[in-house]
Amino acid sequence: MTETRQAAKRLCHWLDERGLKPLPQPNMVILVRKDGQEQSVRLLRTDAGQWCWWWCWEPYRTDDNWEYELAVPVGQEQELAKRLENVLSLSALEEKVIR
């Protein structure tokens, strides 16, 4: 099993442990859902060649390219699952406050 496949499997395990719904997508993307909220993360290499998890943000500019922000290196999937749970919980809370 490849390093990236093992990392994805570990992340999905930790997401399941936290009651989040991981949905693997093409191009090493995992879409995570909780209470109607969703966030994507993706495995990409850094310029130094290290595999890392990256946050995926929908484009807010005129182009259609997704924006990526470094999250954590491979091997820290449990920490990423915790962060994803926090991000999705905040999003749900913000939505309730706005209503």
N, C-alpha and C. Protein backbone atom coordinates (compact mmCIF):
# COMPACT_ATOMS: atom_id res chain seq x y z
N MET A 1 0.85 -1.18 0.00
CA MET A 1 0.00 0.00 0.00
C MET A 1 0.90 1.25 0.00
N THR A 2 0.57 2.20 -0.82
CA THR A 2 1.39 3.40 -0.94
C THR A 2 1.25 4.30 0.29
N GLU A 3 2.22 5.16 0.45
CA GLU A 3 2.22 6.10 1.58
C GLU A 3 0.96 6.97 1.58
N THR A 4 0.56 7.43 0.40
CA THR A 4 -0.61 8.30 0.32
C THR A 4 -1.90 7.53 0.63
N ARG A 5 -1.98 6.32 0.16
CA ARG A 5 -3.17 5.50 0.44
C ARG A 5 -3.27 5.21 1.93
N GLN A 6 -2.15 4.91 2.57
CA GLN A 6 -2.15 4.66 4.01
C GLN A 6 -2.57 5.91 4.77
N ALA A 7 -2.08 7.07 4.34
CA ALA A 7 -2.44 8.34 4.99
C ALA A 7 -3.93 8.60 4.86
N ALA A 8 -4.48 8.38 3.68
CA ALA A 8 -5.91 8.59 3.47
C ALA A 8 -6.74 7.64 4.33
N LYS A 9 -6.28 6.41 4.42
CA LYS A 9 -6.98 5.42 5.23
C LYS A 9 -6.95 5.82 6.71
N ARG A 10 -5.79 6.30 7.18
CA ARG A 10 -5.68 6.75 8.57
C ARG A 10 -6.60 7.94 8.84
N LEU A 11 -6.61 8.91 7.91
CA LEU A 11 -7.47 10.08 8.10
C LEU A 11 -8.94 9.66 8.17
N CYS A 12 -9.36 8.80 7.26
CA CYS A 12 -10.76 8.35 7.27
C CYS A 12 -11.09 7.63 8.57
N HIS A 13 -10.15 6.86 9.09
CA HIS A 13 -10.37 6.19 10.38
C HIS A 13 -10.61 7.21 11.48
N TRP A 14 -9.73 8.23 11.59
CA TRP A 14 -9.87 9.23 12.65
C TRP A 14 -11.12 10.08 12.47
N LEU A 15 -11.50 10.34 11.23
CA LEU A 15 -12.73 11.08 10.98
C LEU A 15 -13.94 10.27 11.43
N ASP A 16 -13.94 8.98 11.12
CA ASP A 16 -15.02 8.09 11.57
C ASP A 16 -15.11 8.07 13.09
N GLU A 17 -13.95 8.03 13.75
CA GLU A 17 -13.91 8.03 15.21
C GLU A 17 -14.58 9.28 15.80
N ARG A 18 -14.52 10.39 15.09
CA ARG A 18 -15.09 11.65 15.56
C ARG A 18 -16.52 11.86 15.05
N GLY A 19 -17.06 10.89 14.35
CA GLY A 19 -18.43 11.00 13.87
C GLY A 19 -18.57 11.86 12.63
N LEU A 20 -17.46 12.11 11.93
CA LEU A 20 -17.50 12.89 10.69
C LEU A 20 -17.65 11.92 9.52
N LYS A 21 -18.14 12.43 8.41
CA LYS A 21 -18.37 11.58 7.25
C LYS A 21 -17.34 11.88 6.15
N PRO A 22 -16.30 11.04 6.04
CA PRO A 22 -15.32 11.24 4.97
C PRO A 22 -15.82 10.64 3.65
N LEU A 23 -15.70 11.42 2.59
CA LEU A 23 -16.09 10.95 1.26
C LEU A 23 -14.90 11.11 0.32
N PRO A 24 -14.16 10.02 0.05
CA PRO A 24 -13.02 10.13 -0.86
C PRO A 24 -13.46 10.60 -2.25
N GLN A 25 -12.67 11.49 -2.83
CA GLN A 25 -12.93 12.08 -4.14
C GLN A 25 -11.72 11.82 -5.05
N PRO A 26 -11.84 12.07 -6.33
CA PRO A 26 -10.68 11.94 -7.22
C PRO A 26 -9.55 12.91 -6.84
N ASN A 27 -8.36 12.62 -7.29
CA ASN A 27 -7.18 13.47 -7.12
C ASN A 27 -6.75 13.62 -5.66
N MET A 28 -6.88 12.56 -4.90
CA MET A 28 -6.44 12.51 -3.50
C MET A 28 -7.11 13.56 -2.62
N VAL A 29 -8.39 13.81 -2.89
CA VAL A 29 -9.19 14.75 -2.12
C VAL A 29 -10.15 13.95 -1.23
N ILE A 30 -10.32 14.41 0.00
CA ILE A 30 -11.33 13.83 0.89
C ILE A 30 -12.26 14.96 1.30
N LEU A 31 -13.53 14.78 1.00
CA LEU A 31 -14.58 15.73 1.40
C LEU A 31 -15.12 15.24 2.74
N VAL A 32 -15.17 16.14 3.70
CA VAL A 32 -15.62 15.78 5.05
C VAL A 32 -16.91 16.54 5.34
N ARG A 33 -17.92 15.82 5.83
CA ARG A 33 -19.21 16.44 6.12
C ARG A 33 -19.61 16.23 7.57
N LYS A 34 -20.32 17.24 8.08
CA LYS A 34 -20.90 17.16 9.42
C LYS A 34 -22.04 18.17 9.50
N ASP A 35 -23.21 17.71 9.85
CA ASP A 35 -24.38 18.58 10.05
C ASP A 35 -24.59 19.59 8.93
N GLY A 36 -24.52 19.12 7.68
CA GLY A 36 -24.77 19.99 6.54
C GLY A 36 -23.59 20.87 6.14
N GLN A 37 -22.51 20.83 6.90
CA GLN A 37 -21.31 21.60 6.57
C GLN A 37 -20.32 20.66 5.89
N GLU A 38 -19.45 21.20 5.06
CA GLU A 38 -18.42 20.36 4.43
C GLU A 38 -17.12 21.13 4.23
N GLN A 39 -16.05 20.37 4.24
CA GLN A 39 -14.71 20.92 4.03
C GLN A 39 -13.89 19.86 3.31
N SER A 40 -13.09 20.28 2.34
CA SER A 40 -12.23 19.35 1.62
C SER A 40 -10.78 19.52 2.03
N VAL A 41 -10.06 18.39 2.04
CA VAL A 41 -8.62 18.39 2.23
C VAL A 41 -8.03 17.53 1.12
N ARG A 42 -6.75 17.78 0.82
CA ARG A 42 -6.11 17.09 -0.29
C ARG A 42 -4.66 16.76 0.04
N LEU A 43 -4.21 15.65 -0.43
CA LEU A 43 -2.81 15.28 -0.30
C LEU A 43 -2.02 15.85 -1.47
N LEU A 44 -1.02 16.64 -1.16
CA LEU A 44 -0.13 17.20 -2.18
C LEU A 44 1.29 17.20 -1.63
N ARG A 45 2.24 17.23 -2.52
CA ARG A 45 3.64 17.36 -2.11
C ARG A 45 4.00 18.82 -1.94
N THR A 46 4.88 19.09 -0.98
CA THR A 46 5.43 20.44 -0.83
C THR A 46 6.54 20.60 -1.85
N ASP A 47 7.09 21.79 -1.96
CA ASP A 47 8.22 22.03 -2.86
C ASP A 47 9.43 21.18 -2.48
N ALA A 48 9.52 20.82 -1.20
CA ALA A 48 10.63 19.99 -0.72
C ALA A 48 10.38 18.50 -0.97
N GLY A 49 9.21 18.15 -1.48
CA GLY A 49 8.91 16.76 -1.81
C GLY A 49 8.19 15.99 -0.72
N GLN A 50 7.85 16.62 0.39
CA GLN A 50 7.16 15.95 1.49
C GLN A 50 5.65 15.92 1.23
N TRP A 51 5.03 14.78 1.48
CA TRP A 51 3.58 14.69 1.37
C TRP A 51 2.94 15.37 2.56
N CYS A 52 1.95 16.21 2.29
CA CYS A 52 1.22 16.93 3.35
C CYS A 52 -0.25 17.00 2.99
N TRP A 53 -1.04 17.20 4.03
CA TRP A 53 -2.46 17.47 3.83
C TRP A 53 -2.63 18.98 3.67
N TRP A 54 -3.51 19.37 2.77
CA TRP A 54 -3.77 20.78 2.47
C TRP A 54 -5.26 21.04 2.57
N TRP A 55 -5.62 22.20 3.11
CA TRP A 55 -7.01 22.65 3.09
C TRP A 55 -7.34 23.04 1.66
N CYS A 56 -8.53 22.76 1.20
CA CYS A 56 -9.00 23.16 -0.13
C CYS A 56 -10.09 24.20 0.04
N TRP A 57 -9.90 25.33 -0.59
CA TRP A 57 -10.88 26.42 -0.50
C TRP A 57 -11.43 26.69 -1.89
N GLU A 58 -12.73 26.86 -1.97
CA GLU A 58 -13.34 27.20 -3.26
C GLU A 58 -12.85 28.56 -3.69
N PRO A 59 -12.73 28.75 -5.01
CA PRO A 59 -12.21 30.03 -5.49
C PRO A 59 -13.18 31.18 -5.22
N TYR A 60 -12.62 32.28 -4.78
CA TYR A 60 -13.42 33.49 -4.56
C TYR A 60 -13.08 34.56 -5.60
N ARG A 61 -12.15 34.24 -6.45
CA ARG A 61 -11.76 35.18 -7.50
C ARG A 61 -12.43 34.79 -8.81
N THR A 62 -12.07 35.43 -9.89
CA THR A 62 -12.72 35.16 -11.17
C THR A 62 -12.28 33.85 -11.79
N ASP A 63 -11.08 33.34 -11.44
CA ASP A 63 -10.65 32.08 -12.03
C ASP A 63 -11.32 30.90 -11.31
N ASP A 64 -11.23 29.73 -11.91
CA ASP A 64 -11.88 28.55 -11.35
C ASP A 64 -10.93 27.66 -10.58
N ASN A 65 -9.74 28.13 -10.27
CA ASN A 65 -8.76 27.31 -9.56
C ASN A 65 -9.02 27.30 -8.06
N TRP A 66 -8.97 26.12 -7.48
CA TRP A 66 -9.10 26.00 -6.03
C TRP A 66 -7.88 26.60 -5.37
N GLU A 67 -8.05 27.08 -4.17
CA GLU A 67 -6.93 27.60 -3.39
C GLU A 67 -6.57 26.57 -2.33
N TYR A 68 -5.27 26.41 -2.05
CA TYR A 68 -4.79 25.42 -1.10
C TYR A 68 -3.97 26.09 -0.03
N GLU A 69 -4.12 25.59 1.20
CA GLU A 69 -3.36 26.09 2.34
C GLU A 69 -2.83 24.89 3.11
N LEU A 70 -1.56 24.90 3.42
CA LEU A 70 -0.93 23.78 4.13
C LEU A 70 -1.62 23.53 5.47
N ALA A 71 -1.97 22.27 5.73
CA ALA A 71 -2.60 21.90 7.00
C ALA A 71 -1.59 21.20 7.90
N VAL A 72 -1.30 19.93 7.61
CA VAL A 72 -0.35 19.16 8.42
C VAL A 72 0.40 18.17 7.53
N PRO A 73 1.60 17.75 7.96
CA PRO A 73 2.32 16.71 7.21
C PRO A 73 1.63 15.35 7.36
N VAL A 74 1.88 14.46 6.42
CA VAL A 74 1.40 13.09 6.52
C VAL A 74 1.94 12.50 7.82
N GLY A 75 1.12 11.74 8.50
CA GLY A 75 1.49 11.18 9.80
C GLY A 75 0.76 11.86 10.94
N GLN A 76 0.15 13.00 10.66
CA GLN A 76 -0.59 13.74 11.69
C GLN A 76 -2.09 13.75 11.38
N GLU A 77 -2.59 12.62 10.91
CA GLU A 77 -3.99 12.53 10.51
C GLU A 77 -4.94 12.69 11.70
N GLN A 78 -4.56 12.23 12.87
CA GLN A 78 -5.42 12.38 14.04
C GLN A 78 -5.60 13.87 14.38
N GLU A 79 -4.52 14.64 14.28
CA GLU A 79 -4.60 16.09 14.51
C GLU A 79 -5.46 16.77 13.45
N LEU A 80 -5.33 16.34 12.20
CA LEU A 80 -6.13 16.93 11.13
C LEU A 80 -7.61 16.63 11.34
N ALA A 81 -7.94 15.42 11.78
CA ALA A 81 -9.34 15.08 12.06
C ALA A 81 -9.90 15.99 13.14
N LYS A 82 -9.11 16.26 14.16
CA LYS A 82 -9.54 17.17 15.24
C LYS A 82 -9.78 18.57 14.69
N ARG A 83 -8.86 19.06 13.85
CA ARG A 83 -9.02 20.39 13.26
C ARG A 83 -10.24 20.47 12.35
N LEU A 84 -10.46 19.42 11.57
CA LEU A 84 -11.62 19.40 10.69
C LEU A 84 -12.92 19.44 11.50
N GLU A 85 -12.97 18.70 12.59
CA GLU A 85 -14.15 18.73 13.44
C GLU A 85 -14.38 20.15 13.97
N ASN A 86 -13.32 20.82 14.39
CA ASN A 86 -13.44 22.19 14.90
C ASN A 86 -13.92 23.16 13.82
N VAL A 87 -13.36 23.05 12.63
CA VAL A 87 -13.75 23.93 11.51
C VAL A 87 -15.23 23.73 11.18
N LEU A 88 -15.66 22.49 11.09
CA LEU A 88 -17.06 22.22 10.75
C LEU A 88 -18.01 22.63 11.86
N SER A 89 -17.58 22.50 13.11
CA SER A 89 -18.41 22.94 14.23
C SER A 89 -18.57 24.45 14.24
N LEU A 90 -17.47 25.18 13.96
CA LEU A 90 -17.54 26.64 13.89
C LEU A 90 -18.44 27.10 12.76
N SER A 91 -18.34 26.43 11.62
CA SER A 91 -19.18 26.80 10.48
C SER A 91 -20.65 26.62 10.80
N ALA A 92 -20.98 25.54 11.47
CA ALA A 92 -22.37 25.29 11.84
C ALA A 92 -22.84 26.33 12.86
N LEU A 93 -22.00 26.68 13.80
CA LEU A 93 -22.34 27.69 14.81
C LEU A 93 -22.54 29.06 14.17
N GLU A 94 -21.65 29.45 13.26
CA GLU A 94 -21.78 30.74 12.57
C GLU A 94 -23.09 30.80 11.80
N GLU A 95 -23.46 29.70 11.17
CA GLU A 95 -24.70 29.68 10.40
C GLU A 95 -25.91 29.88 11.31
N LYS A 96 -25.90 29.28 12.50
CA LYS A 96 -26.99 29.45 13.45
C LYS A 96 -27.07 30.88 13.95
N VAL A 97 -25.93 31.51 14.18
CA VAL A 97 -25.90 32.89 14.69
C VAL A 97 -26.42 33.85 13.63
N ILE A 98 -26.07 33.63 12.38
CA ILE A 98 -26.50 34.52 11.29
C ILE A 98 -28.02 34.44 11.11
N ARG A 99 -28.58 33.29 11.29
CA ARG A 99 -30.05 33.13 11.13
C ARG A 99 -30.72 33.84 12.23
